[in-house]
Amino acid sequence: SCVLLSHLGRPKGKDPKLSLSHIVSKVQEVLEVPVTFFGDCIGEEAAAATASLAPGSVILMENLRYYKEETAGDIDFAKGLSKLGDCYVNDAFGTAHRAHASTEGVTHHVTQSAMGLLIERELEFLEGKLANAESPFVVIMGGAKVSDKIEVINALLEKADTILIGGAMAYT
């Protein structure tokens, strides 16, 4: 069985517009299996729902960011998430660097952790491109949190001919 955890947006509390219930049909389409939705992602009822899954079944839990403990990297929240399964696979390349409960914290409370296939492909691509960078080598970066990307920028300064920074990072 598979338990899917994710986030959507930056909700202030439990905003119904940012519920993961809206994506169940798309997840089913992509995975080509039925997907059950559970309206929470933490607590005894959530743990019971995942523990009772039949082999081969998939459950999508509610938006992790409904809880401020997620982005705060709360240890107890991470421990609660770890009770939803036996092992942890992170396939969210764009948020893997963040010290959130569901990305870093949970890894301390499960027996096995691994990267998913998307992260593996991204790392192989980046490693190959950076190791064999041909000139002109132009990097385009965007996003909101330059503080999360400063180390990457510093590393790229040595390799890139040009770095273009856009989005909210350009205003920092």
N, C-alpha and C. Protein backbone atom coordinates (compact mmCIF):
# COMPACT_ATOMS: atom_id res chain seq x y z
N SER A 1 0.84 -1.19 0.00
CA SER A 1 0.00 0.00 0.00
C SER A 1 0.88 1.25 0.00
N CYS A 2 0.30 2.37 -0.39
CA CYS A 2 1.05 3.62 -0.54
C CYS A 2 0.26 4.76 0.08
N VAL A 3 0.94 5.54 0.91
CA VAL A 3 0.36 6.72 1.54
C VAL A 3 1.02 7.93 0.89
N LEU A 4 0.20 8.81 0.30
CA LEU A 4 0.72 10.00 -0.37
C LEU A 4 0.52 11.22 0.52
N LEU A 5 1.60 11.95 0.74
CA LEU A 5 1.58 13.18 1.52
C LEU A 5 2.07 14.31 0.62
N SER A 6 1.42 15.46 0.71
CA SER A 6 1.85 16.59 -0.09
C SER A 6 1.32 17.87 0.51
N HIS A 7 1.69 18.97 -0.13
CA HIS A 7 1.15 20.27 0.27
C HIS A 7 0.68 20.99 -0.98
N LEU A 8 -0.14 21.99 -0.76
CA LEU A 8 -0.64 22.81 -1.85
C LEU A 8 -0.76 24.24 -1.33
N GLY A 9 -0.04 25.15 -1.95
CA GLY A 9 -0.12 26.56 -1.59
C GLY A 9 0.41 26.87 -0.21
N ARG A 10 0.01 28.03 0.26
CA ARG A 10 0.40 28.48 1.60
C ARG A 10 -0.87 28.88 2.35
N PRO A 11 -1.68 27.89 2.71
CA PRO A 11 -2.95 28.22 3.36
C PRO A 11 -2.77 28.82 4.74
N LYS A 12 -3.66 29.69 5.07
CA LYS A 12 -3.75 30.22 6.43
C LYS A 12 -4.86 29.45 7.10
N GLY A 13 -4.53 28.39 7.81
CA GLY A 13 -5.54 27.50 8.36
C GLY A 13 -5.99 26.51 7.31
N LYS A 14 -7.18 26.00 7.46
CA LYS A 14 -7.69 24.96 6.57
C LYS A 14 -8.56 25.54 5.47
N ASP A 15 -7.92 26.14 4.49
CA ASP A 15 -8.60 26.76 3.35
C ASP A 15 -9.13 25.67 2.42
N PRO A 16 -10.45 25.53 2.28
CA PRO A 16 -11.03 24.47 1.44
C PRO A 16 -10.56 24.53 -0.02
N LYS A 17 -10.22 25.71 -0.51
CA LYS A 17 -9.75 25.83 -1.90
C LYS A 17 -8.41 25.14 -2.09
N LEU A 18 -7.64 24.96 -1.00
CA LEU A 18 -6.33 24.35 -1.10
C LEU A 18 -6.32 22.91 -0.58
N SER A 19 -7.48 22.31 -0.53
CA SER A 19 -7.58 20.91 -0.12
C SER A 19 -7.05 20.00 -1.23
N LEU A 20 -6.37 18.95 -0.86
CA LEU A 20 -5.89 17.97 -1.83
C LEU A 20 -7.02 17.08 -2.35
N SER A 21 -8.21 17.22 -1.78
CA SER A 21 -9.36 16.45 -2.28
C SER A 21 -9.64 16.78 -3.74
N HIS A 22 -9.26 17.99 -4.17
CA HIS A 22 -9.50 18.43 -5.54
C HIS A 22 -8.63 17.72 -6.57
N ILE A 23 -7.59 17.04 -6.12
CA ILE A 23 -6.67 16.41 -7.08
C ILE A 23 -6.80 14.89 -7.13
N VAL A 24 -7.72 14.32 -6.37
CA VAL A 24 -7.84 12.86 -6.31
C VAL A 24 -8.03 12.26 -7.70
N SER A 25 -8.92 12.81 -8.51
CA SER A 25 -9.17 12.23 -9.83
C SER A 25 -7.92 12.28 -10.71
N LYS A 26 -7.14 13.35 -10.62
CA LYS A 26 -5.90 13.44 -11.41
C LYS A 26 -4.87 12.44 -10.92
N VAL A 27 -4.76 12.25 -9.61
CA VAL A 27 -3.83 11.26 -9.06
C VAL A 27 -4.22 9.87 -9.53
N GLN A 28 -5.51 9.57 -9.50
CA GLN A 28 -6.00 8.27 -9.99
C GLN A 28 -5.64 8.08 -11.46
N GLU A 29 -5.83 9.12 -12.25
CA GLU A 29 -5.53 9.06 -13.68
C GLU A 29 -4.04 8.78 -13.91
N VAL A 30 -3.18 9.47 -13.19
CA VAL A 30 -1.74 9.30 -13.36
C VAL A 30 -1.28 7.93 -12.88
N LEU A 31 -1.77 7.51 -11.71
CA LEU A 31 -1.34 6.23 -11.14
C LEU A 31 -2.06 5.02 -11.74
N GLU A 32 -3.20 5.29 -12.35
CA GLU A 32 -4.04 4.23 -12.95
C GLU A 32 -4.50 3.20 -11.92
N VAL A 33 -4.78 3.69 -10.71
CA VAL A 33 -5.35 2.86 -9.65
C VAL A 33 -6.32 3.73 -8.84
N PRO A 34 -7.27 3.11 -8.17
CA PRO A 34 -8.16 3.91 -7.30
C PRO A 34 -7.38 4.55 -6.16
N VAL A 35 -7.76 5.77 -5.82
CA VAL A 35 -7.11 6.50 -4.73
C VAL A 35 -8.19 6.93 -3.74
N THR A 36 -7.96 6.61 -2.48
CA THR A 36 -8.85 7.04 -1.40
C THR A 36 -8.30 8.34 -0.84
N PHE A 37 -9.20 9.25 -0.49
CA PHE A 37 -8.78 10.51 0.13
C PHE A 37 -9.13 10.47 1.60
N PHE A 38 -8.19 10.93 2.45
CA PHE A 38 -8.45 11.05 3.88
C PHE A 38 -8.33 12.51 4.25
N GLY A 39 -9.31 13.05 4.95
CA GLY A 39 -9.41 14.48 5.24
C GLY A 39 -8.51 15.03 6.31
N ASP A 40 -7.42 14.36 6.62
CA ASP A 40 -6.44 14.85 7.58
C ASP A 40 -5.11 14.20 7.24
N CYS A 41 -4.04 14.61 7.90
CA CYS A 41 -2.74 14.01 7.62
C CYS A 41 -2.00 13.64 8.90
N ILE A 42 -2.67 13.78 10.02
CA ILE A 42 -2.01 13.56 11.31
C ILE A 42 -3.03 13.06 12.32
N GLY A 43 -2.57 12.36 13.32
CA GLY A 43 -3.44 11.91 14.40
C GLY A 43 -3.75 10.43 14.35
N GLU A 44 -4.43 9.98 15.40
CA GLU A 44 -4.74 8.55 15.55
C GLU A 44 -5.63 8.03 14.42
N GLU A 45 -6.62 8.82 14.01
CA GLU A 45 -7.52 8.37 12.94
C GLU A 45 -6.77 8.26 11.61
N ALA A 46 -5.86 9.18 11.35
CA ALA A 46 -5.06 9.12 10.12
C ALA A 46 -4.16 7.88 10.15
N ALA A 47 -3.52 7.63 11.29
CA ALA A 47 -2.66 6.45 11.42
C ALA A 47 -3.47 5.16 11.27
N ALA A 48 -4.68 5.13 11.83
CA ALA A 48 -5.54 3.95 11.70
C ALA A 48 -5.97 3.75 10.25
N ALA A 49 -6.26 4.84 9.55
CA ALA A 49 -6.68 4.73 8.14
C ALA A 49 -5.56 4.16 7.28
N THR A 50 -4.34 4.58 7.53
CA THR A 50 -3.22 4.06 6.73
C THR A 50 -2.85 2.64 7.14
N ALA A 51 -3.00 2.32 8.42
CA ALA A 51 -2.66 0.96 8.89
C ALA A 51 -3.63 -0.08 8.34
N SER A 52 -4.86 0.33 8.04
CA SER A 52 -5.86 -0.63 7.58
C SER A 52 -5.92 -0.75 6.05
N LEU A 53 -4.99 -0.14 5.35
CA LEU A 53 -4.99 -0.20 3.89
C LEU A 53 -4.74 -1.63 3.40
N ALA A 54 -5.48 -2.00 2.39
CA ALA A 54 -5.26 -3.30 1.75
C ALA A 54 -3.99 -3.22 0.90
N PRO A 55 -3.29 -4.33 0.75
CA PRO A 55 -2.09 -4.32 -0.11
C PRO A 55 -2.42 -3.81 -1.51
N GLY A 56 -1.56 -2.94 -2.02
CA GLY A 56 -1.74 -2.39 -3.36
C GLY A 56 -2.63 -1.16 -3.44
N SER A 57 -3.22 -0.77 -2.32
CA SER A 57 -4.11 0.39 -2.34
C SER A 57 -3.34 1.68 -2.08
N VAL A 58 -3.96 2.81 -2.45
CA VAL A 58 -3.33 4.12 -2.34
C VAL A 58 -4.27 5.06 -1.59
N ILE A 59 -3.70 5.82 -0.66
CA ILE A 59 -4.47 6.82 0.07
C ILE A 59 -3.74 8.16 -0.02
N LEU A 60 -4.48 9.21 -0.30
CA LEU A 60 -3.95 10.57 -0.34
C LEU A 60 -4.42 11.29 0.90
N MET A 61 -3.49 11.78 1.68
CA MET A 61 -3.81 12.49 2.91
C MET A 61 -4.01 13.98 2.60
N GLU A 62 -4.67 14.68 3.51
CA GLU A 62 -4.96 16.11 3.33
C GLU A 62 -3.70 16.95 3.39
N ASN A 63 -3.79 18.16 2.89
CA ASN A 63 -2.73 19.14 2.76
C ASN A 63 -1.91 19.29 4.05
N LEU A 64 -0.64 18.97 3.96
CA LEU A 64 0.26 19.08 5.12
C LEU A 64 0.34 20.50 5.66
N ARG A 65 0.22 21.47 4.78
CA ARG A 65 0.38 22.86 5.20
C ARG A 65 -0.86 23.43 5.87
N TYR A 66 -1.85 22.60 6.10
CA TYR A 66 -2.96 23.03 6.95
C TYR A 66 -2.48 23.18 8.39
N TYR A 67 -1.30 22.63 8.66
CA TYR A 67 -0.72 22.68 10.00
C TYR A 67 0.55 23.52 9.98
N LYS A 68 0.64 24.52 10.83
CA LYS A 68 1.84 25.37 10.90
C LYS A 68 3.05 24.55 11.35
N GLU A 69 2.81 23.44 12.02
CA GLU A 69 3.91 22.57 12.48
C GLU A 69 4.70 21.97 11.32
N GLU A 70 4.06 21.84 10.16
CA GLU A 70 4.73 21.29 8.98
C GLU A 70 5.91 22.16 8.57
N THR A 71 5.65 23.43 8.29
CA THR A 71 6.73 24.30 7.82
C THR A 71 7.69 24.70 8.95
N ALA A 72 7.26 24.56 10.18
CA ALA A 72 8.12 24.86 11.33
C ALA A 72 9.08 23.70 11.61
N GLY A 73 8.87 22.55 10.95
CA GLY A 73 9.73 21.40 11.19
C GLY A 73 9.53 20.79 12.56
N ASP A 74 8.32 20.90 13.09
CA ASP A 74 7.99 20.43 14.43
C ASP A 74 8.28 18.93 14.59
N ILE A 75 9.03 18.58 15.62
CA ILE A 75 9.44 17.19 15.85
C ILE A 75 8.25 16.29 16.11
N ASP A 76 7.32 16.72 16.94
CA ASP A 76 6.15 15.89 17.24
C ASP A 76 5.28 15.68 16.01
N PHE A 77 5.17 16.70 15.18
CA PHE A 77 4.41 16.58 13.94
C PHE A 77 5.10 15.56 13.02
N ALA A 78 6.42 15.64 12.92
CA ALA A 78 7.19 14.69 12.11
C ALA A 78 7.01 13.27 12.63
N LYS A 79 7.04 13.10 13.95
CA LYS A 79 6.81 11.77 14.54
C LYS A 79 5.43 11.25 14.19
N GLY A 80 4.43 12.14 14.23
CA GLY A 80 3.07 11.75 13.85
C GLY A 80 2.99 11.31 12.41
N LEU A 81 3.67 12.02 11.51
CA LEU A 81 3.69 11.63 10.10
C LEU A 81 4.36 10.27 9.92
N SER A 82 5.38 10.01 10.70
CA SER A 82 6.10 8.74 10.57
C SER A 82 5.22 7.55 10.91
N LYS A 83 4.16 7.76 11.65
CA LYS A 83 3.24 6.67 12.02
C LYS A 83 2.31 6.28 10.88
N LEU A 84 2.39 7.02 9.77
CA LEU A 84 1.51 6.73 8.64
C LEU A 84 2.07 5.66 7.71
N GLY A 85 3.31 5.24 7.93
CA GLY A 85 3.91 4.22 7.06
C GLY A 85 5.17 3.63 7.66
N ASP A 86 5.75 2.70 6.92
CA ASP A 86 6.94 2.00 7.38
C ASP A 86 8.23 2.60 6.83
N CYS A 87 8.16 3.16 5.64
CA CYS A 87 9.34 3.79 5.04
C CYS A 87 8.90 5.10 4.39
N TYR A 88 9.88 5.91 4.02
CA TYR A 88 9.61 7.24 3.50
C TYR A 88 10.37 7.44 2.19
N VAL A 89 9.66 7.91 1.17
CA VAL A 89 10.27 8.24 -0.11
C VAL A 89 9.92 9.68 -0.43
N ASN A 90 10.93 10.51 -0.60
CA ASN A 90 10.71 11.91 -0.96
C ASN A 90 10.93 12.04 -2.46
N ASP A 91 9.91 12.52 -3.16
CA ASP A 91 10.04 12.73 -4.60
C ASP A 91 9.69 14.16 -4.97
N ALA A 92 9.83 15.06 -4.00
CA ALA A 92 9.53 16.48 -4.22
C ALA A 92 10.83 17.26 -4.31
N PHE A 93 11.42 17.27 -5.50
CA PHE A 93 12.71 17.93 -5.70
C PHE A 93 12.69 19.39 -5.26
N GLY A 94 11.63 20.09 -5.59
CA GLY A 94 11.54 21.52 -5.32
C GLY A 94 11.49 21.89 -3.85
N THR A 95 11.15 20.95 -2.99
CA THR A 95 11.08 21.25 -1.55
C THR A 95 12.00 20.36 -0.71
N ALA A 96 12.79 19.53 -1.36
CA ALA A 96 13.64 18.58 -0.63
C ALA A 96 14.67 19.27 0.26
N HIS A 97 15.02 20.49 -0.06
CA HIS A 97 16.04 21.21 0.71
C HIS A 97 15.48 21.86 1.97
N ARG A 98 14.19 21.87 2.12
CA ARG A 98 13.59 22.56 3.26
C ARG A 98 13.54 21.67 4.50
N ALA A 99 13.76 22.26 5.65
CA ALA A 99 13.73 21.52 6.91
C ALA A 99 12.31 21.48 7.47
N HIS A 100 11.38 20.98 6.66
CA HIS A 100 9.99 20.84 7.09
C HIS A 100 9.79 19.47 7.72
N ALA A 101 8.72 19.33 8.46
CA ALA A 101 8.44 18.06 9.13
C ALA A 101 8.32 16.91 8.14
N SER A 102 7.71 17.16 6.97
CA SER A 102 7.47 16.10 6.01
C SER A 102 8.64 15.84 5.06
N THR A 103 9.64 16.68 5.06
CA THR A 103 10.77 16.48 4.16
C THR A 103 12.03 16.03 4.90
N GLU A 104 12.32 16.65 6.00
CA GLU A 104 13.52 16.31 6.76
C GLU A 104 13.18 15.65 8.09
N GLY A 105 12.21 16.19 8.79
CA GLY A 105 11.90 15.70 10.13
C GLY A 105 11.47 14.25 10.18
N VAL A 106 10.63 13.85 9.26
CA VAL A 106 10.10 12.48 9.28
C VAL A 106 11.20 11.44 9.08
N THR A 107 12.28 11.81 8.39
CA THR A 107 13.35 10.85 8.12
C THR A 107 14.02 10.33 9.38
N HIS A 108 13.93 11.08 10.47
CA HIS A 108 14.52 10.68 11.73
C HIS A 108 13.67 9.67 12.50
N HIS A 109 12.46 9.41 12.00
CA HIS A 109 11.52 8.59 12.75
C HIS A 109 11.00 7.39 11.98
N VAL A 110 11.59 7.10 10.83
CA VAL A 110 11.22 5.92 10.06
C VAL A 110 12.47 5.05 9.89
N THR A 111 12.25 3.78 9.63
CA THR A 111 13.36 2.84 9.50
C THR A 111 14.15 3.08 8.22
N GLN A 112 13.43 3.36 7.12
CA GLN A 112 14.09 3.54 5.83
C GLN A 112 13.60 4.81 5.16
N SER A 113 14.54 5.52 4.54
CA SER A 113 14.22 6.71 3.74
C SER A 113 14.94 6.60 2.41
N ALA A 114 14.32 7.16 1.38
CA ALA A 114 14.93 7.12 0.05
C ALA A 114 14.46 8.30 -0.77
N MET A 115 15.18 8.56 -1.85
CA MET A 115 14.72 9.56 -2.81
C MET A 115 13.91 8.85 -3.87
N GLY A 116 12.95 9.58 -4.44
CA GLY A 116 12.12 9.03 -5.49
C GLY A 116 12.79 9.15 -6.85
N LEU A 117 12.11 8.62 -7.86
CA LEU A 117 12.66 8.61 -9.21
C LEU A 117 12.81 10.01 -9.81
N LEU A 118 11.89 10.93 -9.48
CA LEU A 118 12.00 12.29 -9.99
C LEU A 118 13.26 12.97 -9.44
N ILE A 119 13.47 12.86 -8.15
CA ILE A 119 14.67 13.46 -7.55
C ILE A 119 15.92 12.83 -8.14
N GLU A 120 15.92 11.53 -8.32
CA GLU A 120 17.07 10.85 -8.91
C GLU A 120 17.37 11.39 -10.31
N ARG A 121 16.34 11.53 -11.14
CA ARG A 121 16.53 12.06 -12.50
C ARG A 121 17.04 13.50 -12.47
N GLU A 122 16.48 14.32 -11.59
CA GLU A 122 16.91 15.72 -11.49
C GLU A 122 18.38 15.82 -11.07
N LEU A 123 18.78 15.01 -10.09
CA LEU A 123 20.16 15.05 -9.62
C LEU A 123 21.13 14.56 -10.69
N GLU A 124 20.76 13.49 -11.40
CA GLU A 124 21.61 12.99 -12.48
C GLU A 124 21.75 14.04 -13.58
N PHE A 125 20.66 14.70 -13.93
CA PHE A 125 20.70 15.75 -14.95
C PHE A 125 21.60 16.89 -14.51
N LEU A 126 21.39 17.38 -13.30
CA LEU A 126 22.18 18.51 -12.81
C LEU A 126 23.65 18.16 -12.68
N GLU A 127 23.91 16.97 -12.17
CA GLU A 127 25.30 16.54 -12.02
C GLU A 127 26.00 16.50 -13.38
N GLY A 128 25.33 15.93 -14.36
CA GLY A 128 25.90 15.85 -15.71
C GLY A 128 26.10 17.21 -16.32
N LYS A 129 25.13 18.09 -16.20
CA LYS A 129 25.22 19.43 -16.78
C LYS A 129 26.30 20.27 -16.09
N LEU A 130 26.39 20.15 -14.79
CA LEU A 130 27.38 20.95 -14.07
C LEU A 130 28.80 20.43 -14.29
N ALA A 131 28.95 19.11 -14.38
CA ALA A 131 30.28 18.53 -14.57
C ALA A 131 30.82 18.82 -15.96
N ASN A 132 29.92 18.91 -16.94
CA ASN A 132 30.34 19.10 -18.34
C ASN A 132 29.76 20.37 -18.93
N ALA A 133 29.72 21.42 -18.16
CA ALA A 133 29.11 22.67 -18.61
C ALA A 133 29.90 23.25 -19.78
N GLU A 134 29.17 23.52 -20.87
CA GLU A 134 29.79 24.15 -22.03
C GLU A 134 29.43 25.62 -22.05
N SER A 135 30.36 26.42 -22.52
CA SER A 135 30.12 27.85 -22.59
C SER A 135 29.38 28.19 -23.89
N PRO A 136 28.45 29.08 -23.91
CA PRO A 136 28.00 29.88 -22.77
C PRO A 136 27.06 29.08 -21.86
N PHE A 137 27.33 29.15 -20.59
CA PHE A 137 26.53 28.44 -19.59
C PHE A 137 25.72 29.48 -18.83
N VAL A 138 24.41 29.51 -19.08
CA VAL A 138 23.51 30.49 -18.48
C VAL A 138 22.58 29.78 -17.52
N VAL A 139 22.45 30.30 -16.33
CA VAL A 139 21.57 29.77 -15.30
C VAL A 139 20.42 30.75 -15.11
N ILE A 140 19.20 30.23 -15.10
CA ILE A 140 18.02 31.06 -14.84
C ILE A 140 17.40 30.56 -13.54
N MET A 141 17.29 31.43 -12.57
CA MET A 141 16.73 31.05 -11.27
C MET A 141 15.60 32.00 -10.91
N GLY A 142 14.62 31.46 -10.21
CA GLY A 142 13.51 32.27 -9.73
C GLY A 142 13.01 31.70 -8.43
N GLY A 143 11.93 32.25 -7.98
CA GLY A 143 11.36 31.78 -6.73
C GLY A 143 11.25 32.91 -5.74
N ALA A 144 10.90 32.52 -4.53
CA ALA A 144 10.62 33.53 -3.52
C ALA A 144 11.70 33.63 -2.45
N LYS A 145 12.44 32.59 -2.21
CA LYS A 145 13.32 32.60 -1.06
C LYS A 145 14.79 32.51 -1.48
N VAL A 146 15.42 33.65 -1.66
CA VAL A 146 16.82 33.66 -2.05
C VAL A 146 17.68 33.03 -0.95
N SER A 147 17.26 33.13 0.29
CA SER A 147 18.04 32.55 1.39
C SER A 147 18.16 31.03 1.24
N ASP A 148 17.14 30.39 0.65
CA ASP A 148 17.19 28.95 0.42
C ASP A 148 18.14 28.58 -0.72
N LYS A 149 18.45 29.55 -1.59
CA LYS A 149 19.20 29.25 -2.81
C LYS A 149 20.59 29.88 -2.83
N ILE A 150 20.96 30.58 -1.79
CA ILE A 150 22.22 31.31 -1.79
C ILE A 150 23.42 30.39 -1.97
N GLU A 151 23.40 29.23 -1.36
CA GLU A 151 24.52 28.28 -1.50
C GLU A 151 24.62 27.78 -2.94
N VAL A 152 23.48 27.53 -3.57
CA VAL A 152 23.46 27.09 -4.97
C VAL A 152 24.03 28.20 -5.85
N ILE A 153 23.60 29.42 -5.61
CA ILE A 153 24.09 30.56 -6.39
C ILE A 153 25.61 30.68 -6.24
N ASN A 154 26.10 30.58 -5.02
CA ASN A 154 27.55 30.67 -4.78
C ASN A 154 28.30 29.59 -5.54
N ALA A 155 27.78 28.37 -5.55
CA ALA A 155 28.43 27.28 -6.28
C ALA A 155 28.40 27.52 -7.78
N LEU A 156 27.31 28.08 -8.27
CA LEU A 156 27.17 28.31 -9.71
C LEU A 156 28.01 29.49 -10.21
N LEU A 157 28.36 30.41 -9.33
CA LEU A 157 29.18 31.57 -9.71
C LEU A 157 30.50 31.13 -10.35
N GLU A 158 31.03 30.01 -9.89
CA GLU A 158 32.31 29.51 -10.41
C GLU A 158 32.16 28.87 -11.78
N LYS A 159 30.96 28.42 -12.14
CA LYS A 159 30.76 27.66 -13.37
C LYS A 159 30.00 28.42 -14.45
N ALA A 160 29.08 29.25 -14.04
CA ALA A 160 28.19 29.90 -15.01
C ALA A 160 28.81 31.16 -15.60
N ASP A 161 28.55 31.37 -16.89
CA ASP A 161 28.96 32.62 -17.54
C ASP A 161 28.02 33.75 -17.13
N THR A 162 26.74 33.40 -16.99
CA THR A 162 25.71 34.37 -16.64
C THR A 162 24.69 33.70 -15.73
N ILE A 163 24.23 34.43 -14.73
CA ILE A 163 23.14 33.95 -13.87
C ILE A 163 22.04 35.00 -13.95
N LEU A 164 20.87 34.58 -14.40
CA LEU A 164 19.71 35.46 -14.48
C LEU A 164 18.79 35.13 -13.32
N ILE A 165 18.47 36.12 -12.51
CA ILE A 165 17.62 35.90 -11.35
C ILE A 165 16.33 36.70 -11.55
N GLY A 166 15.22 36.00 -11.43
CA GLY A 166 13.91 36.63 -11.61
C GLY A 166 13.00 36.33 -10.44
N GLY A 167 11.75 36.64 -10.61
CA GLY A 167 10.77 36.40 -9.56
C GLY A 167 11.04 37.25 -8.34
N ALA A 168 10.54 36.80 -7.23
CA ALA A 168 10.70 37.55 -5.99
C ALA A 168 12.16 37.63 -5.55
N MET A 169 12.98 36.67 -5.98
CA MET A 169 14.41 36.70 -5.63
C MET A 169 15.09 37.95 -6.16
N ALA A 170 14.62 38.48 -7.27
CA ALA A 170 15.25 39.65 -7.89
C ALA A 170 15.09 40.90 -7.02
N TYR A 171 14.14 40.88 -6.10
CA TYR A 171 13.88 42.06 -5.27
C TYR A 171 14.59 42.01 -3.93
N THR A 172 15.34 40.95 -3.68
CA THR A 172 16.02 40.81 -2.39
C THR A 172 17.27 41.67 -2.37
